[in-house]
Amino acid sequence: MLTLPFTHSYATLPAQMYAPADPTPVAAPRLLALNATLARELRLDPDWLASPEGVAMLAGNATPPGVRALAMAYAGHQFGHFVPSLGDGRALLLGEVVDRAGHRRDVQLKGSGPTPFSRRGDGRAALGPVLREYLVAEAMAALGVPTSRALAAVATGEEVYRETPLPGAILTRVAASHIRVGTFQYFAARRDIEALRALADHAIARHDPAAQGPRGLFAGVVARQAALVAQWLCLGFVHGVMNTDNCTISGETIDYGPCAFLDAYDPAAVFSSIDHAGRYAYGQQPRIMAWNLARLAEAMLPLFDADETAALAIAQAELDRFGDIFEAAYHAGLLRKIGIAEGREGDMELVQDLLTRMAEGAMDFTNSFRALLTEPDPALGAWLPRWRARLAEEVDPMAVMRAANPAVIPRNHRIEQVIQAALAGELDPFRALLAAVTNPYADPSDPAFTQPPQPEERVLATFCGT
């Protein structure tokens, strides 16, 4: 029997940080998708993963040597309200691998059954949300955004019950780690300083080995998350549920529930069906990220300095860096989208004027920027000669724009079409969309992948899917 190359550094931490648990076997596991390229990157054998033994592990029906499954403990602010005990209610960490680049990465089953943190939930996932996360996570990776990855999707042969019975599935997710802002909040809420310090030491070793103690770790998280949310905005991405338990220490995007990409540009766009107040609207994401980081600072205060006044000063000094880091990354990203490699005075006014015109005209975010390469929208009017005059001063603006503006994103209506086809037993549409979104900067063979939805195809609300 194959022994998997898993290690278990998280399991060496204090016992209150996790709960050992076994996945719940399913009736008839069937492999739906396998990311062979990612498997090889992780030093895992894709042929074995696709074999009956491998599928049994991916479905939770077998635990080969090397697997030591556990559910991680964490807390979180959910829509601004603190919940002191959450944890992996439907996910299990199988172990960690060191990939070919020397980076340690978690391998986790999502939808593998109840855990001690399930809070009366069934611990399962439905097929639709699993395919959505697979598609969007792999699209984000191809777009160059730090993200968790999808290694495999397996049908369970069982139904899960939400509003209606739905076919069940399990996602195998890969991440630099699954440590969250909420993980620190869990121990801070319990005033468990020893566990908090052990968690910080582990996170430093995992993500910031050169960091000078907890302050250095926190500074790294601030920088990573500021850069991440700038990338989201430059791609028109809306996370949809930026709770602190969905905000990672690694700076990766994680938990693709009610996420979406903009069609028409609208800073106030909200997709999550439960975000009634617009807390996690597209344009609110930088503010919410800063708010989440302030909650991390609160949790880490005892680690910064024994003196509370000094600790608060450290936290504030690092939090104050968020705005500058975010603005520098966001402005540079926007300027690249209009072909400007190095900004100068007046450039941001030019790009902001473009965004204003796009918002007023409800213009498609992705296609409007992409069209600058070939046929800019005439609706941009007087903006176009100003832009062309500025572009004449650049060395190779077309190359800059080609690298900054995808042709294909995983549009909501396409994802819904794929899910409906999969529910009817047809996976070819999923495979075709996956191929398109994982080569996002090339014009697709089927132009339909670049088209915005027709009015009757628009997806106005997305759902967590849990």
Protein backbone atom coordinates (compact mmCIF):
# COMPACT_ATOMS: atom_id res chain seq x y z
CA MET A 1 0.00 0.00 0.00
CA LEU A 2 1.23 3.48 -0.87
CA THR A 3 2.48 5.58 2.02
CA LEU A 4 1.67 9.21 1.36
CA PRO A 5 4.41 11.83 1.93
CA PHE A 6 2.34 13.69 4.52
CA THR A 7 3.78 15.40 7.55
CA HIS A 8 1.78 16.80 10.46
CA SER A 9 3.36 19.88 11.97
CA TYR A 10 0.00 21.32 13.05
CA ALA A 11 -0.71 18.17 15.06
CA THR A 12 2.38 18.87 17.17
CA LEU A 13 0.76 22.04 18.56
CA PRO A 14 -1.22 22.08 21.83
CA ALA A 15 -4.19 19.74 21.75
CA GLN A 16 -6.78 22.50 22.13
CA MET A 17 -5.94 23.77 18.65
CA TYR A 18 -7.65 20.91 16.85
CA ALA A 19 -9.76 17.79 17.22
CA PRO A 20 -8.70 14.47 15.69
CA ALA A 21 -11.53 13.14 13.55
CA ASP A 22 -12.15 10.66 10.78
CA PRO A 23 -13.99 11.37 7.56
CA THR A 24 -17.37 9.68 7.19
CA PRO A 25 -17.42 7.10 4.37
CA VAL A 26 -19.77 7.66 1.44
CA ALA A 27 -21.85 5.25 -0.59
CA ALA A 28 -20.44 5.41 -4.10
CA PRO A 29 -17.44 7.69 -4.63
CA ARG A 30 -16.74 8.75 -8.19
CA LEU A 31 -13.94 11.00 -9.39
CA LEU A 32 -15.29 14.09 -11.15
CA ALA A 33 -12.10 16.11 -11.62
CA LEU A 34 -8.43 15.70 -10.80
CA ASN A 35 -5.82 18.43 -11.06
CA ALA A 36 -2.93 16.30 -12.29
CA THR A 37 -0.60 19.28 -12.73
CA LEU A 38 -1.13 20.35 -9.13
CA ALA A 39 -0.74 16.76 -7.93
CA ARG A 40 2.70 16.51 -9.52
CA GLU A 41 3.63 19.90 -8.07
CA LEU A 42 2.77 18.46 -4.64
CA ARG A 43 4.85 15.32 -5.27
CA LEU A 44 1.67 13.23 -5.36
CA ASP A 45 1.10 10.58 -8.03
CA PRO A 46 -1.93 11.59 -10.16
CA ASP A 47 -2.34 8.06 -11.45
CA TRP A 48 -2.62 6.75 -7.90
CA LEU A 49 -5.03 9.53 -6.94
CA ALA A 50 -7.25 8.51 -9.87
CA SER A 51 -7.09 4.82 -8.90
CA PRO A 52 -9.77 3.18 -6.74
CA GLU A 53 -7.47 3.48 -3.71
CA GLY A 54 -6.80 7.14 -4.38
CA VAL A 55 -10.46 7.98 -4.94
CA ALA A 56 -11.29 6.18 -1.70
CA MET A 57 -8.96 8.55 0.15
CA LEU A 58 -10.33 11.62 -1.65
CA ALA A 59 -13.84 10.54 -0.66
CA GLY A 60 -12.95 9.83 2.95
CA ASN A 61 -13.57 6.10 2.60
CA ALA A 62 -9.98 5.13 3.37
CA THR A 63 -7.09 6.60 5.34
CA PRO A 64 -3.85 5.32 3.79
CA PRO A 65 -0.64 5.35 5.82
CA GLY A 66 0.51 8.93 6.23
CA VAL A 67 -2.97 10.40 6.82
CA ARG A 68 -3.80 11.78 10.29
CA ALA A 69 -7.02 13.70 9.89
CA LEU A 70 -7.91 16.59 12.16
CA ALA A 71 -10.35 19.49 12.32
CA MET A 72 -8.89 22.88 13.21
CA ALA A 73 -10.35 25.12 15.91
CA TYR A 74 -11.05 28.78 15.20
CA ALA A 75 -13.46 31.60 16.00
CA GLY A 76 -14.58 34.49 13.82
CA HIS A 77 -16.47 37.70 13.28
CA GLN A 78 -19.34 36.81 10.97
CA PHE A 79 -20.87 39.93 9.42
CA GLY A 80 -19.35 41.89 12.30
CA HIS A 81 -20.67 39.65 15.10
CA PHE A 82 -18.14 37.62 17.07
CA VAL A 83 -18.68 33.87 17.36
CA PRO A 84 -16.13 32.47 19.84
CA SER A 85 -16.26 28.86 18.63
CA LEU A 86 -16.50 27.86 14.99
CA GLY A 87 -13.85 25.46 13.66
CA ASP A 88 -13.79 23.05 10.75
CA GLY A 89 -17.35 21.81 10.77
CA ARG A 90 -17.14 20.01 7.45
CA ALA A 91 -13.45 19.91 6.62
CA LEU A 92 -10.55 17.73 7.68
CA LEU A 93 -6.83 18.34 7.30
CA LEU A 94 -5.30 15.09 6.02
CA GLY A 95 -1.73 16.29 6.34
CA GLU A 96 0.91 18.54 4.82
CA VAL A 97 3.25 18.04 1.89
CA VAL A 98 6.39 19.86 0.85
CA ASP A 99 5.98 20.72 -2.81
CA ARG A 100 8.63 20.77 -5.51
CA ALA A 101 9.44 24.40 -4.74
CA GLY A 102 10.10 23.52 -1.09
CA HIS A 103 6.88 25.08 0.24
CA ARG A 104 4.78 23.34 2.88
CA ARG A 105 1.11 23.04 1.91
CA ASP A 106 -2.00 21.63 3.55
CA VAL A 107 -4.16 18.97 1.93
CA GLN A 108 -7.73 19.10 3.21
CA LEU A 109 -11.03 17.38 2.48
CA LYS A 110 -14.02 19.71 2.38
CA GLY A 111 -17.45 18.09 2.75
CA SER A 112 -16.14 14.90 4.32
CA GLY A 113 -18.72 14.64 7.11
CA PRO A 114 -19.30 15.99 10.61
CA THR A 115 -16.54 16.88 13.04
CA PRO A 116 -16.59 17.92 16.71
CA PHE A 117 -17.04 21.50 15.42
CA SER A 118 -20.06 20.80 13.19
CA ARG A 119 -22.68 22.34 15.51
CA ARG A 120 -25.39 19.87 14.45
CA GLY A 121 -24.53 20.26 10.75
CA ASP A 122 -24.16 17.30 8.43
CA GLY A 123 -20.58 18.20 7.48
CA ARG A 124 -21.32 17.61 3.82
CA ALA A 125 -21.08 19.69 0.65
CA ALA A 126 -23.30 19.76 -2.40
CA LEU A 127 -22.06 19.24 -5.94
CA GLY A 128 -22.74 22.82 -7.09
CA PRO A 129 -20.62 24.63 -4.48
CA VAL A 130 -17.80 22.12 -4.94
CA LEU A 131 -17.67 22.75 -8.69
CA ARG A 132 -17.92 26.51 -8.10
CA GLU A 133 -14.95 26.49 -5.73
CA TYR A 134 -12.94 24.26 -8.06
CA LEU A 135 -13.52 26.60 -11.01
CA VAL A 136 -12.98 29.89 -9.21
CA ALA A 137 -9.94 28.76 -7.20
CA GLU A 138 -8.19 27.47 -10.32
CA ALA A 139 -9.16 30.59 -12.26
CA MET A 140 -7.69 32.77 -9.51
CA ALA A 141 -4.46 30.77 -9.56
CA ALA A 142 -4.22 31.23 -13.33
CA LEU A 143 -4.84 34.96 -12.88
CA GLY A 144 -1.85 35.14 -10.52
CA VAL A 145 -3.86 35.71 -7.35
CA PRO A 146 -2.72 33.96 -4.13
CA THR A 147 -5.38 31.34 -3.48
CA SER A 148 -6.22 27.96 -2.11
CA ARG A 149 -6.24 25.36 -4.89
CA ALA A 150 -8.49 22.54 -6.00
CA LEU A 151 -6.81 19.15 -6.23
CA ALA A 152 -9.86 16.97 -6.82
CA ALA A 153 -13.63 16.78 -6.77
CA VAL A 154 -15.42 13.53 -5.96
CA ALA A 155 -19.13 12.73 -6.14
CA THR A 156 -20.34 10.86 -3.06
CA GLY A 157 -23.27 8.96 -4.51
CA GLU A 158 -25.38 10.38 -1.68
CA GLU A 159 -27.73 13.30 -1.33
CA VAL A 160 -27.33 16.27 0.97
CA TYR A 161 -30.36 18.14 2.20
CA ARG A 162 -30.58 21.90 2.01
CA GLU A 163 -33.78 23.52 0.76
CA THR A 164 -34.06 20.51 -1.55
CA PRO A 165 -32.12 17.24 -1.88
CA LEU A 166 -28.91 17.77 -3.85
CA PRO A 167 -26.16 15.39 -5.01
CA GLY A 168 -23.22 15.41 -2.61
CA ALA A 169 -19.55 15.97 -3.40
CA ILE A 170 -16.21 16.43 -1.67
CA LEU A 171 -13.50 18.90 -2.63
CA THR A 172 -9.83 18.26 -1.91
CA ARG A 173 -8.40 21.68 -1.16
CA VAL A 174 -4.75 22.71 -0.97
CA ALA A 175 -3.48 25.83 0.83
CA ALA A 176 -0.26 27.26 2.18
CA SER A 177 -2.05 26.76 5.49
CA HIS A 178 -5.55 27.04 6.88
CA ILE A 179 -4.57 29.35 9.74
CA ARG A 180 -6.97 32.29 9.86
CA VAL A 181 -7.47 35.54 11.71
CA GLY A 182 -10.17 33.59 13.51
CA THR A 183 -7.64 31.00 14.66
CA PHE A 184 -5.87 33.68 16.69
CA GLN A 185 -9.20 35.04 17.89
CA TYR A 186 -10.17 31.60 19.22
CA PHE A 187 -7.32 31.54 21.73
CA ALA A 188 -7.42 35.25 22.49
CA ALA A 189 -11.08 34.90 23.48
CA ARG A 190 -10.06 32.15 25.92
CA ARG A 191 -7.11 34.18 27.23
CA ASP A 192 -4.93 31.20 26.40
CA ILE A 193 -1.69 33.10 25.92
CA GLU A 194 0.47 29.99 25.78
CA ALA A 195 -1.57 28.57 22.90
CA LEU A 196 -1.60 31.97 21.22
CA ARG A 197 2.18 32.16 21.42
CA ALA A 198 2.57 28.60 20.13
CA LEU A 199 0.27 29.44 17.21
CA ALA A 200 2.27 32.57 16.40
CA ASP A 201 5.56 30.66 16.52
CA HIS A 202 4.11 28.03 14.19
CA ALA A 203 2.78 30.68 11.79
CA ILE A 204 6.15 32.46 11.76
CA ALA A 205 7.96 29.24 10.91
CA ARG A 206 5.37 28.46 8.24
CA HIS A 207 4.88 31.85 6.59
CA ASP A 208 7.47 34.36 7.82
CA PRO A 209 10.66 32.56 8.88
CA ALA A 210 12.62 35.82 8.64
CA ALA A 211 10.11 37.74 10.77
CA GLN A 212 11.31 39.28 14.00
CA GLY A 213 8.73 37.81 16.37
CA PRO A 214 4.96 38.35 16.48
CA ARG A 215 5.21 41.95 15.27
CA GLY A 216 7.04 40.79 12.18
CA LEU A 217 4.39 38.13 11.58
CA PHE A 218 1.62 40.70 11.88
CA ALA A 219 3.42 43.09 9.54
CA GLY A 220 3.68 40.31 6.98
CA VAL A 221 -0.03 39.52 7.22
CA VAL A 222 -0.90 43.21 6.76
CA ALA A 223 1.28 43.46 3.65
CA ARG A 224 -0.03 40.23 2.11
CA GLN A 225 -3.68 41.04 2.67
CA ALA A 226 -3.31 44.62 1.41
CA ALA A 227 -1.76 43.34 -1.82
CA LEU A 228 -4.39 40.60 -2.11
CA VAL A 229 -7.41 42.87 -1.89
CA ALA A 230 -5.81 45.19 -4.45
CA GLN A 231 -5.62 42.26 -6.85
CA TRP A 232 -9.27 41.43 -6.17
CA LEU A 233 -10.36 44.94 -7.09
CA CYS A 234 -8.25 45.03 -10.24
CA LEU A 235 -9.98 41.86 -11.46
CA GLY A 236 -13.49 42.85 -10.42
CA PHE A 237 -13.65 40.06 -7.85
CA VAL A 238 -16.10 40.12 -4.94
CA HIS A 239 -15.30 37.63 -2.18
CA GLY A 240 -18.78 37.92 -0.72
CA VAL A 241 -18.14 36.73 2.82
CA MET A 242 -15.05 38.38 4.29
CA ASN A 243 -15.59 37.13 7.82
CA THR A 244 -12.44 36.91 9.93
CA ASP A 245 -12.61 33.12 9.78
CA ASN A 246 -12.25 33.45 5.99
CA CYS A 247 -9.19 35.70 6.19
CA THR A 248 -5.90 33.79 6.09
CA ILE A 249 -2.54 34.48 7.66
CA SER A 250 -0.89 33.31 4.43
CA GLY A 251 -2.54 36.02 2.33
CA GLU A 252 -4.34 33.49 0.15
CA THR A 253 -7.93 33.81 -1.01
CA ILE A 254 -9.96 31.08 0.66
CA ASP A 255 -13.56 29.88 1.02
CA TYR A 256 -15.24 30.59 -2.31
CA GLY A 257 -18.86 30.60 -1.23
CA PRO A 258 -20.96 33.53 -2.47
CA CYS A 259 -18.11 34.95 -4.54
CA ALA A 260 -18.56 36.59 -7.93
CA PHE A 261 -16.83 38.58 -10.65
CA LEU A 262 -18.39 41.84 -11.76
CA ASP A 263 -20.17 42.01 -15.06
CA ALA A 264 -21.24 45.69 -15.15
CA TYR A 265 -18.85 47.83 -13.11
CA ASP A 266 -20.51 48.97 -9.89
CA PRO A 267 -18.52 49.75 -6.73
CA ALA A 268 -21.63 48.97 -4.65
CA ALA A 269 -22.18 45.54 -6.21
CA VAL A 270 -23.26 42.85 -3.73
CA PHE A 271 -23.89 39.23 -4.64
CA SER A 272 -24.12 37.28 -1.38
CA SER A 273 -27.74 36.42 -0.66
CA ILE A 274 -27.22 37.08 3.06
CA ASP A 275 -25.29 40.36 2.77
CA HIS A 276 -28.38 42.52 3.14
CA ALA A 277 -26.51 45.65 4.29
CA GLY A 278 -23.77 45.50 1.67
CA ARG A 279 -21.03 44.98 4.23
CA TYR A 280 -18.98 42.95 1.75
CA ALA A 281 -19.75 44.93 -1.41
CA TYR A 282 -17.04 45.12 -4.08
CA GLY A 283 -15.90 48.62 -3.14
CA GLN A 284 -16.03 47.94 0.60
CA GLN A 285 -13.44 45.17 0.51
CA PRO A 286 -10.36 47.29 1.39
CA ARG A 287 -12.13 48.77 4.40
CA ILE A 288 -13.29 45.35 5.59
CA MET A 289 -9.83 43.87 5.14
CA ALA A 290 -8.40 46.63 7.33
CA TRP A 291 -11.14 45.94 9.89
CA ASN A 292 -10.28 42.22 9.89
CA LEU A 293 -6.62 43.02 10.43
CA ALA A 294 -7.53 45.23 13.37
CA ARG A 295 -9.26 42.22 14.91
CA LEU A 296 -6.08 40.19 14.38
CA ALA A 297 -4.09 42.95 16.07
CA GLU A 298 -6.45 42.82 19.05
CA ALA A 299 -5.98 39.07 19.33
CA MET A 300 -2.18 39.36 19.14
CA LEU A 301 -1.78 42.27 21.58
CA PRO A 302 -0.43 40.11 24.44
CA LEU A 303 2.29 38.87 22.08
CA PHE A 304 3.44 42.34 21.01
CA ASP A 305 4.37 43.62 24.46
CA ALA A 306 3.52 42.89 28.08
CA ASP A 307 2.67 46.56 28.50
CA GLU A 308 -0.76 47.20 26.95
CA THR A 309 0.03 50.77 25.92
CA ALA A 310 3.18 49.67 24.15
CA ALA A 311 1.34 46.75 22.53
CA LEU A 312 -1.37 49.08 21.23
CA ALA A 313 1.24 51.41 19.78
CA ILE A 314 2.88 48.51 17.93
CA ALA A 315 -0.47 47.31 16.57
CA GLN A 316 -1.46 50.79 15.39
CA ALA A 317 1.89 51.42 13.74
CA GLU A 318 1.58 48.26 11.66
CA LEU A 319 -2.12 48.80 10.87
CA ASP A 320 -1.32 52.30 9.65
CA ARG A 321 0.78 50.73 6.88
CA PHE A 322 -2.22 48.96 5.35
CA GLY A 323 -3.57 51.98 3.46
CA ASP A 324 -0.29 52.88 1.82
CA ILE A 325 0.46 49.28 0.79
CA PHE A 326 -3.02 48.78 -0.59
CA GLU A 327 -3.10 52.08 -2.50
CA ALA A 328 0.32 51.51 -4.04
CA ALA A 329 -0.66 48.02 -5.24
CA TYR A 330 -4.14 49.06 -6.38
CA HIS A 331 -2.99 52.15 -8.24
CA ALA A 332 -0.16 50.28 -9.95
CA GLY A 333 -2.58 47.50 -10.94
CA LEU A 334 -5.13 49.94 -12.38
CA LEU A 335 -2.47 51.81 -14.34
CA ARG A 336 -1.20 48.57 -15.87
CA LYS A 337 -4.75 47.83 -16.98
CA ILE A 338 -4.63 50.95 -19.18
CA GLY A 339 -1.09 50.28 -20.39
CA ILE A 340 0.97 52.45 -18.05
CA ALA A 341 3.93 50.61 -16.57
CA GLU A 342 5.17 53.40 -14.30
CA GLY A 343 2.74 56.01 -13.04
CA ARG A 344 3.31 59.74 -12.98
CA GLU A 345 1.36 62.78 -11.86
CA GLY A 346 -2.11 62.88 -13.40
CA ASP A 347 -2.27 59.19 -14.27
CA MET A 348 -4.63 58.25 -11.46
CA GLU A 349 -7.03 61.01 -12.50
CA LEU A 350 -7.03 59.44 -15.97
CA VAL A 351 -7.90 55.97 -14.70
CA GLN A 352 -10.45 57.27 -12.21
CA ASP A 353 -12.18 59.12 -15.02
CA LEU A 354 -12.38 55.85 -16.91
CA LEU A 355 -13.91 54.06 -13.93
CA THR A 356 -16.46 56.84 -13.50
CA ARG A 357 -17.52 56.53 -17.13
CA MET A 358 -17.73 52.74 -16.79
CA ALA A 359 -19.92 53.02 -13.71
CA GLU A 360 -22.21 55.63 -15.27
CA GLY A 361 -22.63 53.50 -18.37
CA ALA A 362 -22.88 50.16 -16.51
CA MET A 363 -20.08 48.93 -18.77
CA ASP A 364 -18.68 45.43 -18.45
CA PHE A 365 -15.61 45.57 -16.22
CA THR A 366 -13.48 42.84 -17.80
CA ASN A 367 -14.47 43.45 -21.43
CA SER A 368 -14.07 47.24 -21.24
CA PHE A 369 -10.44 46.94 -20.18
CA ARG A 370 -9.73 44.10 -22.59
CA ALA A 371 -11.24 46.09 -25.46
CA LEU A 372 -8.58 48.77 -25.00
CA LEU A 373 -6.24 46.36 -26.79
CA THR A 374 -8.30 46.36 -29.97
CA GLU A 375 -11.61 48.24 -30.13
CA PRO A 376 -12.18 50.64 -27.22
CA ASP A 377 -15.82 51.36 -26.49
CA PRO A 378 -16.94 54.59 -28.29
CA ALA A 379 -18.93 55.39 -25.15
CA LEU A 380 -15.65 56.42 -23.56
CA GLY A 381 -15.79 59.51 -25.74
CA ALA A 382 -13.39 62.31 -24.84
CA TRP A 383 -11.43 59.99 -22.55
CA LEU A 384 -9.97 58.07 -25.50
CA PRO A 385 -7.79 60.83 -27.06
CA ARG A 386 -6.43 61.76 -23.62
CA TRP A 387 -5.54 58.13 -22.98
CA ARG A 388 -3.96 57.65 -26.41
CA ALA A 389 -1.84 60.75 -25.94
CA ARG A 390 -0.57 59.41 -22.62
CA LEU A 391 0.02 55.95 -24.08
CA ALA A 392 2.21 57.41 -26.82
CA GLU A 393 4.77 58.07 -24.08
CA GLU A 394 4.95 54.40 -23.02
CA VAL A 395 7.38 51.83 -24.42
CA ASP A 396 5.13 48.80 -24.98
CA PRO A 397 1.70 49.55 -23.57
CA MET A 398 -0.04 46.73 -25.43
CA ALA A 399 2.15 44.13 -23.72
CA VAL A 400 1.43 45.74 -20.36
CA MET A 401 -2.32 45.61 -21.00
CA ARG A 402 -2.27 42.05 -22.30
CA ALA A 403 -0.62 40.93 -19.07
CA ALA A 404 -3.07 42.85 -16.87
CA ASN A 405 -6.42 42.25 -18.54
CA PRO A 406 -7.85 38.74 -18.82
CA ALA A 407 -10.12 37.80 -21.68
CA VAL A 408 -11.90 35.14 -19.63
CA ILE A 409 -13.15 35.14 -16.06
CA PRO A 410 -15.48 32.59 -14.42
CA ARG A 411 -18.64 34.60 -14.92
CA ASN A 412 -21.57 33.82 -12.66
CA HIS A 413 -23.96 32.84 -15.41
CA ARG A 414 -21.42 30.45 -16.92
CA ILE A 415 -20.81 28.82 -13.55
CA GLU A 416 -24.54 28.37 -13.04
CA GLN A 417 -24.89 26.81 -16.48
CA VAL A 418 -22.07 24.41 -15.67
CA ILE A 419 -23.66 23.47 -12.35
CA GLN A 420 -27.05 22.84 -13.92
CA ALA A 421 -25.43 20.63 -16.58
CA ALA A 422 -23.53 18.70 -13.90
CA LEU A 423 -26.74 18.16 -11.92
CA ALA A 424 -28.12 16.60 -15.10
CA GLY A 425 -25.08 14.32 -15.30
CA GLU A 426 -23.12 16.25 -17.94
CA LEU A 427 -19.58 17.33 -17.00
CA ASP A 428 -18.29 18.45 -20.41
CA PRO A 429 -19.44 22.07 -19.85
CA PHE A 430 -17.49 22.10 -16.57
CA ARG A 431 -14.37 20.85 -18.32
CA ALA A 432 -14.72 23.38 -21.13
CA LEU A 433 -15.14 26.30 -18.74
CA LEU A 434 -12.26 25.08 -16.59
CA ALA A 435 -10.00 24.97 -19.64
CA ALA A 436 -10.98 28.51 -20.59
CA VAL A 437 -10.60 30.12 -17.15
CA THR A 438 -7.24 28.48 -16.53
CA ASN A 439 -5.85 30.15 -19.67
CA PRO A 440 -7.42 33.52 -18.95
CA TYR A 441 -5.18 35.88 -20.89
CA ALA A 442 -5.67 34.11 -24.22
CA ASP A 443 -8.67 34.67 -26.44
CA PRO A 444 -10.74 31.50 -26.04
CA SER A 445 -11.63 29.24 -28.95
CA ASP A 446 -15.28 29.84 -28.08
CA PRO A 447 -16.01 33.59 -27.87
CA ALA A 448 -19.09 32.81 -25.77
CA PHE A 449 -16.81 32.53 -22.73
CA THR A 450 -16.09 36.26 -22.95
CA GLN A 451 -19.69 37.41 -23.31
CA PRO A 452 -21.59 39.08 -20.48
CA PRO A 453 -24.92 37.56 -19.51
CA GLN A 454 -28.12 38.37 -21.31
CA PRO A 455 -30.68 40.02 -19.02
CA GLU A 456 -32.40 36.70 -18.37
CA GLU A 457 -29.04 35.05 -17.57
CA ARG A 458 -27.89 37.52 -14.93
CA VAL A 459 -27.07 36.03 -11.53
CA LEU A 460 -28.15 38.56 -8.92
CA ALA A 461 -27.49 36.48 -5.81
CA THR A 462 -24.93 33.87 -4.85
CA PHE A 463 -25.08 31.49 -1.91
CA CYS A 464 -22.67 30.06 0.63
CA GLY A 465 -23.64 26.55 -0.35
CA THR A 466 -23.02 25.09 3.07
